[in-house]
Amino acid sequence: MTRRGAGTVKELIGIYDRLSATLSALRFGEPVAMVYNPLEYARETHHAYLQRFGGLGRGRVLFLGMNPGPFGMAQTGVPFGEIAAVRDWMGISGPVGRPSPEHPKRPIEGFSCKRSEVSGSRLWGLFSQRFGTAERFFEEAFVANYCPLAFLEATGANRTPDKLPASEREALYAACDTALIEVIAALEPARIVGVGDFAKKRAELIVARLGGGPPVGSILHPSPASPRANRGWAEAALVDLEAQGLAW
């Protein structure tokens, strides 16, 4: 693994600031009622995440998620951002703004939010168990989301990017694909691991478009909406990782 430090951090900040600006100009119709962009209102803590862990070296494993959960990255600006994991394990905290408009059933309370992001609790819980400290984990890996936007229906229900109309997905994916290509160039990952099938497929398409690149695999998504994930997610994820040569 080769260290790159501040230069990589600067690259990543630029990539995500550009992505945020591009996505903020997009418009989405029903059933999407509101769109949250944590790269915008939680910019300070997202930058803190990049500054602390983005420059620890190239040749790491890139874990790629889909998009923010309402009680994770939407609150903290950190991918899979379970509040306890971000604050206590990663040592990141700070003020978080609020999106406008804001859904009354999905308020952004930042680090004061009392709800738990189950996916993030499972993901970071596994990594903390295997590595101990966040620094040791991030020396080996980095975690990012393919899409940084959260889409809310009128009821407050989450709508994932793959469920958007094709016309809206096209512009969204174009921007997110560009950012992922740039992240791959900045981090030069040894391997990409999609957290779930959606992220794996997007990464595979990008690697194919580039004419080659790091191998792409996946782990079971830790969402509580997955019956398999509720029957021992950590054990299943470790089996998936071992099959990809990551005996963590």
C-alpha atoms as a PDB file:
ATOM      1  CA  MET A   1       0.000   0.000   0.000  1.00  0.00           C
ATOM      2  CA  THR A   2       1.346   3.440  -0.938  1.00  0.00           C
ATOM      3  CA  ARG A   3       0.570   6.536   1.096  1.00  0.00           C
ATOM      4  CA  ARG A   4      -0.632   9.694  -0.638  1.00  0.00           C
ATOM      5  CA  GLY A   5      -1.888  11.836   2.227  1.00  0.00           C
ATOM      6  CA  ALA A   6      -3.086  15.390   1.799  1.00  0.00           C
ATOM      7  CA  GLY A   7      -3.152  15.251  -1.992  1.00  0.00           C
ATOM      8  CA  THR A   8      -5.686  12.424  -1.974  1.00  0.00           C
ATOM      9  CA  VAL A   9      -7.825  14.189   0.604  1.00  0.00           C
ATOM     10  CA  LYS A  10      -7.889  17.313  -1.557  1.00  0.00           C
ATOM     11  CA  GLU A  11      -8.872  15.212  -4.569  1.00  0.00           C
ATOM     12  CA  LEU A  12     -11.709  13.512  -2.678  1.00  0.00           C
ATOM     13  CA  ILE A  13     -13.059  16.780  -1.302  1.00  0.00           C
ATOM     14  CA  GLY A  14     -13.072  18.216  -4.818  1.00  0.00           C
ATOM     15  CA  ILE A  15     -14.815  15.146  -6.230  1.00  0.00           C
ATOM     16  CA  TYR A  16     -17.622  15.221  -3.693  1.00  0.00           C
ATOM     17  CA  ASP A  17     -18.053  18.993  -3.764  1.00  0.00           C
ATOM     18  CA  ARG A  18     -18.474  18.828  -7.545  1.00  0.00           C
ATOM     19  CA  LEU A  19     -20.870  15.906  -7.249  1.00  0.00           C
ATOM     20  CA  SER A  20     -22.919  17.764  -4.654  1.00  0.00           C
ATOM     21  CA  ALA A  21     -23.230  20.817  -6.880  1.00  0.00           C
ATOM     22  CA  THR A  22     -24.213  18.728  -9.899  1.00  0.00           C
ATOM     23  CA  LEU A  23     -26.836  16.735  -8.023  1.00  0.00           C
ATOM     24  CA  SER A  24     -28.311  19.823  -6.365  1.00  0.00           C
ATOM     25  CA  ALA A  25     -29.340  21.030  -9.826  1.00  0.00           C
ATOM     26  CA  LEU A  26     -31.343  17.866 -10.592  1.00  0.00           C
ATOM     27  CA  ARG A  27     -35.092  17.679 -10.079  1.00  0.00           C
ATOM     28  CA  PHE A  28     -37.155  14.628  -9.143  1.00  0.00           C
ATOM     29  CA  GLY A  29     -40.894  14.101  -9.480  1.00  0.00           C
ATOM     30  CA  GLU A  30     -43.470  12.002  -7.688  1.00  0.00           C
ATOM     31  CA  PRO A  31     -43.425   9.728  -5.790  1.00  0.00           C
ATOM     32  CA  VAL A  32     -40.309  11.542  -4.524  1.00  0.00           C
ATOM     33  CA  ALA A  33     -41.477  14.463  -2.399  1.00  0.00           C
ATOM     34  CA  MET A  34     -38.171  15.632  -0.916  1.00  0.00           C
ATOM     35  CA  VAL A  35     -34.483  15.085  -1.552  1.00  0.00           C
ATOM     36  CA  TYR A  36     -31.820  15.329   1.159  1.00  0.00           C
ATOM     37  CA  ASN A  37     -28.233  16.123   0.149  1.00  0.00           C
ATOM     38  CA  PRO A  38     -26.000  15.566   3.200  1.00  0.00           C
ATOM     39  CA  LEU A  39     -22.937  16.575   1.184  1.00  0.00           C
ATOM     40  CA  GLU A  40     -24.460  20.044   1.356  1.00  0.00           C
ATOM     41  CA  TYR A  41     -26.007  20.455   4.819  1.00  0.00           C
ATOM     42  CA  ALA A  42     -23.552  18.078   6.569  1.00  0.00           C
ATOM     43  CA  ARG A  43     -20.565  19.257   4.554  1.00  0.00           C
ATOM     44  CA  GLU A  44     -18.420  19.937   7.623  1.00  0.00           C
ATOM     45  CA  THR A  45     -18.620  16.424   9.043  1.00  0.00           C
ATOM     46  CA  HIS A  46     -18.373  14.801   5.610  1.00  0.00           C
ATOM     47  CA  HIS A  47     -15.168  16.757   5.004  1.00  0.00           C
ATOM     48  CA  ALA A  48     -13.927  15.681   8.442  1.00  0.00           C
ATOM     49  CA  TYR A  49     -14.446  12.052   7.403  1.00  0.00           C
ATOM     50  CA  LEU A  50     -12.478  12.575   4.186  1.00  0.00           C
ATOM     51  CA  GLN A  51      -9.734  14.491   5.957  1.00  0.00           C
ATOM     52  CA  ARG A  52      -9.291  11.901   8.657  1.00  0.00           C
ATOM     53  CA  PHE A  53      -9.528   8.706   6.614  1.00  0.00           C
ATOM     54  CA  GLY A  54      -9.351   9.573   2.909  1.00  0.00           C
ATOM     55  CA  GLY A  55      -5.596   9.968   2.682  1.00  0.00           C
ATOM     56  CA  LEU A  56      -4.374   6.836   4.463  1.00  0.00           C
ATOM     57  CA  GLY A  57      -3.123   5.178   1.306  1.00  0.00           C
ATOM     58  CA  ARG A  58      -3.939   3.785  -2.102  1.00  0.00           C
ATOM     59  CA  GLY A  59      -4.376   0.092  -2.768  1.00  0.00           C
ATOM     60  CA  ARG A  60      -7.000  -0.268  -0.047  1.00  0.00           C
ATOM     61  CA  VAL A  61     -10.360  -2.033  -0.337  1.00  0.00           C
ATOM     62  CA  LEU A  62     -13.171   0.304  -1.393  1.00  0.00           C
ATOM     63  CA  PHE A  63     -16.504  -0.614   0.158  1.00  0.00           C
ATOM     64  CA  LEU A  64     -19.273   0.948  -1.888  1.00  0.00           C
ATOM     65  CA  GLY A  65     -22.805   1.481  -0.586  1.00  0.00           C
ATOM     66  CA  MET A  66     -25.940   2.637  -2.404  1.00  0.00           C
ATOM     67  CA  ASN A  67     -27.190   5.881  -0.818  1.00  0.00           C
ATOM     68  CA  PRO A  68     -27.784   7.412   2.628  1.00  0.00           C
ATOM     69  CA  GLY A  69     -30.118   5.948   5.206  1.00  0.00           C
ATOM     70  CA  PRO A  70     -32.407   8.366   7.067  1.00  0.00           C
ATOM     71  CA  PHE A  71     -30.723   7.785  10.436  1.00  0.00           C
ATOM     72  CA  GLY A  72     -27.168   7.352   9.185  1.00  0.00           C
ATOM     73  CA  MET A  73     -25.440   9.455   6.541  1.00  0.00           C
ATOM     74  CA  ALA A  74     -28.503  11.680   6.321  1.00  0.00           C
ATOM     75  CA  GLN A  75     -27.807  12.689   9.935  1.00  0.00           C
ATOM     76  CA  THR A  76     -24.000  12.654  10.087  1.00  0.00           C
ATOM     77  CA  GLY A  77     -22.684  13.111   6.545  1.00  0.00           C
ATOM     78  CA  VAL A  78     -20.669   9.888   6.869  1.00  0.00           C
ATOM     79  CA  PRO A  79     -21.494   6.783   4.784  1.00  0.00           C
ATOM     80  CA  PHE A  80     -23.497   4.243   6.822  1.00  0.00           C
ATOM     81  CA  GLY A  81     -23.187   6.933   9.496  1.00  0.00           C
ATOM     82  CA  GLU A  82     -24.563   5.297  12.614  1.00  0.00           C
ATOM     83  CA  ILE A  83     -24.161   8.085  15.151  1.00  0.00           C
ATOM     84  CA  ALA A  84     -22.372   6.109  17.883  1.00  0.00           C
ATOM     85  CA  ALA A  85     -19.915   4.652  15.373  1.00  0.00           C
ATOM     86  CA  VAL A  86     -19.137   8.021  13.813  1.00  0.00           C
ATOM     87  CA  ARG A  87     -18.866   9.931  17.079  1.00  0.00           C
ATOM     88  CA  ASP A  88     -17.295   7.358  19.393  1.00  0.00           C
ATOM     89  CA  TRP A  89     -15.350   5.017  17.088  1.00  0.00           C
ATOM     90  CA  MET A  90     -14.255   7.402  14.328  1.00  0.00           C
ATOM     91  CA  GLY A  91     -14.002  10.433  16.582  1.00  0.00           C
ATOM     92  CA  ILE A  92     -16.018  12.652  14.242  1.00  0.00           C
ATOM     93  CA  SER A  93     -18.690  15.072  15.364  1.00  0.00           C
ATOM     94  CA  GLY A  94     -19.769  18.606  14.694  1.00  0.00           C
ATOM     95  CA  PRO A  95     -22.657  20.834  13.692  1.00  0.00           C
ATOM     96  CA  VAL A  96     -25.009  19.581  10.990  1.00  0.00           C
ATOM     97  CA  GLY A  97     -27.364  21.880   9.113  1.00  0.00           C
ATOM     98  CA  ARG A  98     -30.817  21.034   7.853  1.00  0.00           C
ATOM     99  CA  PRO A  99     -32.176  20.392   4.378  1.00  0.00           C
ATOM    100  CA  SER A 100     -34.869  22.599   2.947  1.00  0.00           C
ATOM    101  CA  PRO A 101     -37.570  21.496   2.696  1.00  0.00           C
ATOM    102  CA  GLU A 102     -37.447  18.987   5.540  1.00  0.00           C
ATOM    103  CA  HIS A 103     -39.926  16.161   5.985  1.00  0.00           C
ATOM    104  CA  PRO A 104     -41.666  16.322   9.395  1.00  0.00           C
ATOM    105  CA  LYS A 105     -41.345  12.548   9.767  1.00  0.00           C
ATOM    106  CA  ARG A 106     -37.631  12.566   8.908  1.00  0.00           C
ATOM    107  CA  PRO A 107     -36.131  15.533  10.741  1.00  0.00           C
ATOM    108  CA  ILE A 108     -32.386  16.062  10.576  1.00  0.00           C
ATOM    109  CA  GLU A 109     -31.126  16.284  14.140  1.00  0.00           C
ATOM    110  CA  GLY A 110     -27.475  15.550  13.467  1.00  0.00           C
ATOM    111  CA  PHE A 111     -25.638  13.950  16.347  1.00  0.00           C
ATOM    112  CA  SER A 112     -28.643  14.557  18.609  1.00  0.00           C
ATOM    113  CA  CYS A 113     -30.690  11.982  16.669  1.00  0.00           C
ATOM    114  CA  LYS A 114     -31.773   9.138  18.941  1.00  0.00           C
ATOM    115  CA  ARG A 115     -32.679   6.698  16.169  1.00  0.00           C
ATOM    116  CA  SER A 116     -30.276   3.934  15.184  1.00  0.00           C
ATOM    117  CA  GLU A 117     -29.149   3.221  11.630  1.00  0.00           C
ATOM    118  CA  VAL A 118     -29.237  -0.586  11.679  1.00  0.00           C
ATOM    119  CA  SER A 119     -27.231  -1.006   8.477  1.00  0.00           C
ATOM    120  CA  GLY A 120     -24.495   1.251   9.809  1.00  0.00           C
ATOM    121  CA  SER A 121     -24.538  -0.358  13.229  1.00  0.00           C
ATOM    122  CA  ARG A 122     -24.002  -3.748  11.635  1.00  0.00           C
ATOM    123  CA  LEU A 123     -21.342  -2.628   9.146  1.00  0.00           C
ATOM    124  CA  TRP A 124     -19.214  -0.537  11.495  1.00  0.00           C
ATOM    125  CA  GLY A 125     -19.842  -2.983  14.324  1.00  0.00           C
ATOM    126  CA  LEU A 126     -18.251  -5.757  12.284  1.00  0.00           C
ATOM    127  CA  PHE A 127     -15.274  -3.624  11.319  1.00  0.00           C
ATOM    128  CA  SER A 128     -14.709  -2.425  14.878  1.00  0.00           C
ATOM    129  CA  GLN A 129     -14.863  -6.012  16.133  1.00  0.00           C
ATOM    130  CA  ARG A 130     -12.317  -7.209  13.573  1.00  0.00           C
ATOM    131  CA  PHE A 131      -9.922  -4.245  13.602  1.00  0.00           C
ATOM    132  CA  GLY A 132     -10.331  -2.662  17.019  1.00  0.00           C
ATOM    133  CA  THR A 133      -9.603   0.944  16.098  1.00  0.00           C
ATOM    134  CA  ALA A 134     -10.964   2.965  13.208  1.00  0.00           C
ATOM    135  CA  GLU A 135      -7.411   3.886  12.205  1.00  0.00           C
ATOM    136  CA  ARG A 136      -6.474   0.225  11.713  1.00  0.00           C
ATOM    137  CA  PHE A 137      -9.569  -0.411   9.601  1.00  0.00           C
ATOM    138  CA  PHE A 138      -9.103   2.642   7.406  1.00  0.00           C
ATOM    139  CA  GLU A 139      -5.481   1.746   6.759  1.00  0.00           C
ATOM    140  CA  GLU A 140      -6.899  -1.279   4.946  1.00  0.00           C
ATOM    141  CA  ALA A 141     -10.160   0.062   3.517  1.00  0.00           C
ATOM    142  CA  PHE A 142     -12.371   3.059   2.766  1.00  0.00           C
ATOM    143  CA  VAL A 143     -16.165   3.323   2.654  1.00  0.00           C
ATOM    144  CA  ALA A 144     -18.141   5.482   0.234  1.00  0.00           C
ATOM    145  CA  ASN A 145     -21.653   5.689  -1.179  1.00  0.00           C
ATOM    146  CA  TYR A 146     -22.364   5.549  -4.893  1.00  0.00           C
ATOM    147  CA  CYS A 147     -25.154   8.132  -4.570  1.00  0.00           C
ATOM    148  CA  PRO A 148     -25.099  10.712  -1.753  1.00  0.00           C
ATOM    149  CA  LEU A 149     -28.774  11.686  -1.994  1.00  0.00           C
ATOM    150  CA  ALA A 150     -31.655  10.396   0.132  1.00  0.00           C
ATOM    151  CA  PHE A 151     -35.062  10.330  -1.563  1.00  0.00           C
ATOM    152  CA  LEU A 152     -38.211  10.646   0.556  1.00  0.00           C
ATOM    153  CA  GLU A 153     -41.775   9.940  -0.477  1.00  0.00           C
ATOM    154  CA  ALA A 154     -44.711  11.970   0.862  1.00  0.00           C
ATOM    155  CA  THR A 155     -45.199   9.427   3.666  1.00  0.00           C
ATOM    156  CA  GLY A 156     -41.552   9.768   4.715  1.00  0.00           C
ATOM    157  CA  ALA A 157     -40.711   6.369   3.239  1.00  0.00           C
ATOM    158  CA  ASN A 158     -37.279   5.967   1.696  1.00  0.00           C
ATOM    159  CA  ARG A 159     -37.091   5.466  -2.085  1.00  0.00           C
ATOM    160  CA  THR A 160     -33.853   3.992  -3.367  1.00  0.00           C
ATOM    161  CA  PRO A 161     -32.206   5.302  -6.577  1.00  0.00           C
ATOM    162  CA  ASP A 162     -32.956   2.148  -8.555  1.00  0.00           C
ATOM    163  CA  LYS A 163     -36.695   2.767  -8.048  1.00  0.00           C
ATOM    164  CA  LEU A 164     -36.623   6.201  -9.705  1.00  0.00           C
ATOM    165  CA  PRO A 165     -38.062   6.670 -13.221  1.00  0.00           C
ATOM    166  CA  ALA A 166     -35.588   5.896 -15.993  1.00  0.00           C
ATOM    167  CA  SER A 167     -35.402   9.525 -17.122  1.00  0.00           C
ATOM    168  CA  GLU A 168     -34.373  10.622 -13.620  1.00  0.00           C
ATOM    169  CA  ARG A 169     -31.965   7.735 -13.101  1.00  0.00           C
ATOM    170  CA  GLU A 170     -30.076   8.619 -16.290  1.00  0.00           C
ATOM    171  CA  ALA A 171     -28.927  12.049 -15.094  1.00  0.00           C
ATOM    172  CA  LEU A 172     -28.366  10.826 -11.534  1.00  0.00           C
ATOM    173  CA  TYR A 173     -26.289   7.836 -12.583  1.00  0.00           C
ATOM    174  CA  ALA A 174     -24.260   9.899 -15.041  1.00  0.00           C
ATOM    175  CA  ALA A 175     -23.124  12.214 -12.247  1.00  0.00           C
ATOM    176  CA  CYS A 176     -22.524   9.410  -9.746  1.00  0.00           C
ATOM    177  CA  ASP A 177     -20.632   7.330 -12.333  1.00  0.00           C
ATOM    178  CA  THR A 178     -18.317  10.256 -13.038  1.00  0.00           C
ATOM    179  CA  ALA A 179     -17.637  10.695  -9.331  1.00  0.00           C
ATOM    180  CA  LEU A 180     -16.963   6.971  -8.859  1.00  0.00           C
ATOM    181  CA  ILE A 181     -14.488   6.988 -11.750  1.00  0.00           C
ATOM    182  CA  GLU A 182     -12.697   9.895 -10.071  1.00  0.00           C
ATOM    183  CA  VAL A 183     -12.728   8.179  -6.660  1.00  0.00           C
ATOM    184  CA  ILE A 184     -11.194   5.058  -8.208  1.00  0.00           C
ATOM    185  CA  ALA A 185      -8.483   7.196  -9.815  1.00  0.00           C
ATOM    186  CA  ALA A 186      -7.771   8.945  -6.502  1.00  0.00           C
ATOM    187  CA  LEU A 187      -7.718   5.857  -4.276  1.00  0.00           C
ATOM    188  CA  GLU A 188      -6.497   3.223  -6.763  1.00  0.00           C
ATOM    189  CA  PRO A 189      -8.277   0.505  -4.761  1.00  0.00           C
ATOM    190  CA  ALA A 190      -6.981  -3.045  -4.833  1.00  0.00           C
ATOM    191  CA  ARG A 191     -10.563  -4.285  -4.792  1.00  0.00           C
ATOM    192  CA  ILE A 192     -14.094  -2.885  -4.766  1.00  0.00           C
ATOM    193  CA  VAL A 193     -16.683  -4.549  -2.555  1.00  0.00           C
ATOM    194  CA  GLY A 194     -20.270  -3.544  -3.186  1.00  0.00           C
ATOM    195  CA  VAL A 195     -22.384  -3.472  -0.053  1.00  0.00           C
ATOM    196  CA  GLY A 196     -25.321  -5.150  -1.768  1.00  0.00           C
ATOM    197  CA  ASP A 197     -25.967  -6.039  -5.392  1.00  0.00           C
ATOM    198  CA  PHE A 198     -26.839  -2.527  -6.607  1.00  0.00           C
ATOM    199  CA  ALA A 199     -23.446  -1.081  -5.699  1.00  0.00           C
ATOM    200  CA  LYS A 200     -21.665  -4.130  -7.098  1.00  0.00           C
ATOM    201  CA  LYS A 201     -23.412  -3.754 -10.462  1.00  0.00           C
ATOM    202  CA  ARG A 202     -22.624  -0.032 -10.700  1.00  0.00           C
ATOM    203  CA  ALA A 203     -18.967  -0.727  -9.905  1.00  0.00           C
ATOM    204  CA  GLU A 204     -18.821  -3.532 -12.469  1.00  0.00           C
ATOM    205  CA  LEU A 205     -20.208  -1.211 -15.148  1.00  0.00           C
ATOM    206  CA  ILE A 206     -17.619   1.431 -14.328  1.00  0.00           C
ATOM    207  CA  VAL A 207     -14.699  -1.010 -14.374  1.00  0.00           C
ATOM    208  CA  ALA A 208     -15.930  -2.356 -17.714  1.00  0.00           C
ATOM    209  CA  ARG A 209     -16.199   1.194 -19.076  1.00  0.00           C
ATOM    210  CA  LEU A 210     -12.638   1.877 -17.980  1.00  0.00           C
ATOM    211  CA  GLY A 211     -11.475  -1.204 -19.852  1.00  0.00           C
ATOM    212  CA  GLY A 212     -10.275  -2.877 -16.676  1.00  0.00           C
ATOM    213  CA  GLY A 213      -9.548  -2.110 -13.069  1.00  0.00           C
ATOM    214  CA  PRO A 214      -9.793  -3.626  -9.632  1.00  0.00           C
ATOM    215  CA  PRO A 215     -11.786  -6.820  -9.142  1.00  0.00           C
ATOM    216  CA  VAL A 216     -15.334  -6.241  -7.972  1.00  0.00           C
ATOM    217  CA  GLY A 217     -17.232  -8.355  -5.467  1.00  0.00           C
ATOM    218  CA  SER A 218     -19.946  -7.841  -2.897  1.00  0.00           C
ATOM    219  CA  ILE A 219     -21.178  -8.597   0.575  1.00  0.00           C
ATOM    220  CA  LEU A 220     -24.734  -9.051   1.732  1.00  0.00           C
ATOM    221  CA  HIS A 221     -26.361  -5.693   2.443  1.00  0.00           C
ATOM    222  CA  PRO A 222     -26.876  -5.231   6.203  1.00  0.00           C
ATOM    223  CA  SER A 223     -30.324  -3.664   5.842  1.00  0.00           C
ATOM    224  CA  PRO A 224     -32.976  -4.971   8.278  1.00  0.00           C
ATOM    225  CA  ALA A 225     -35.279  -5.167   5.246  1.00  0.00           C
ATOM    226  CA  SER A 226     -33.273  -8.234   4.197  1.00  0.00           C
ATOM    227  CA  PRO A 227     -34.418 -11.482   5.874  1.00  0.00           C
ATOM    228  CA  ARG A 228     -30.963 -12.988   5.310  1.00  0.00           C
ATOM    229  CA  ALA A 229     -29.294 -10.026   7.009  1.00  0.00           C
ATOM    230  CA  ASN A 230     -31.512 -10.544  10.037  1.00  0.00           C
ATOM    231  CA  ARG A 231     -30.306 -14.128  10.370  1.00  0.00           C
ATOM    232  CA  GLY A 232     -26.662 -13.401  11.133  1.00  0.00           C
ATOM    233  CA  TRP A 233     -25.434 -10.643   8.848  1.00  0.00           C
ATOM    234  CA  ALA A 234     -21.895 -10.462  10.244  1.00  0.00           C
ATOM    235  CA  GLU A 235     -21.287 -14.160   9.717  1.00  0.00           C
ATOM    236  CA  ALA A 236     -22.627 -13.997   6.149  1.00  0.00           C
ATOM    237  CA  ALA A 237     -20.502 -10.922   5.386  1.00  0.00           C
ATOM    238  CA  LEU A 238     -17.353 -12.617   6.662  1.00  0.00           C
ATOM    239  CA  VAL A 239     -18.031 -15.608   4.415  1.00  0.00           C
ATOM    240  CA  ASP A 240     -18.454 -13.239   1.459  1.00  0.00           C
ATOM    241  CA  LEU A 241     -15.222 -11.415   2.302  1.00  0.00           C
ATOM    242  CA  GLU A 242     -13.238 -14.625   2.736  1.00  0.00           C
ATOM    243  CA  ALA A 243     -14.422 -15.813  -0.670  1.00  0.00           C
ATOM    244  CA  GLN A 244     -12.820 -12.651  -2.099  1.00  0.00           C
ATOM    245  CA  GLY A 245      -9.513 -13.265  -0.340  1.00  0.00           C
ATOM    246  CA  LEU A 246     -10.236 -10.908   2.546  1.00  0.00           C
ATOM    247  CA  ALA A 247      -9.815 -13.090   5.605  1.00  0.00           C
ATOM    248  CA  TRP A 248     -10.624 -10.386   8.142  1.00  0.00           C
END
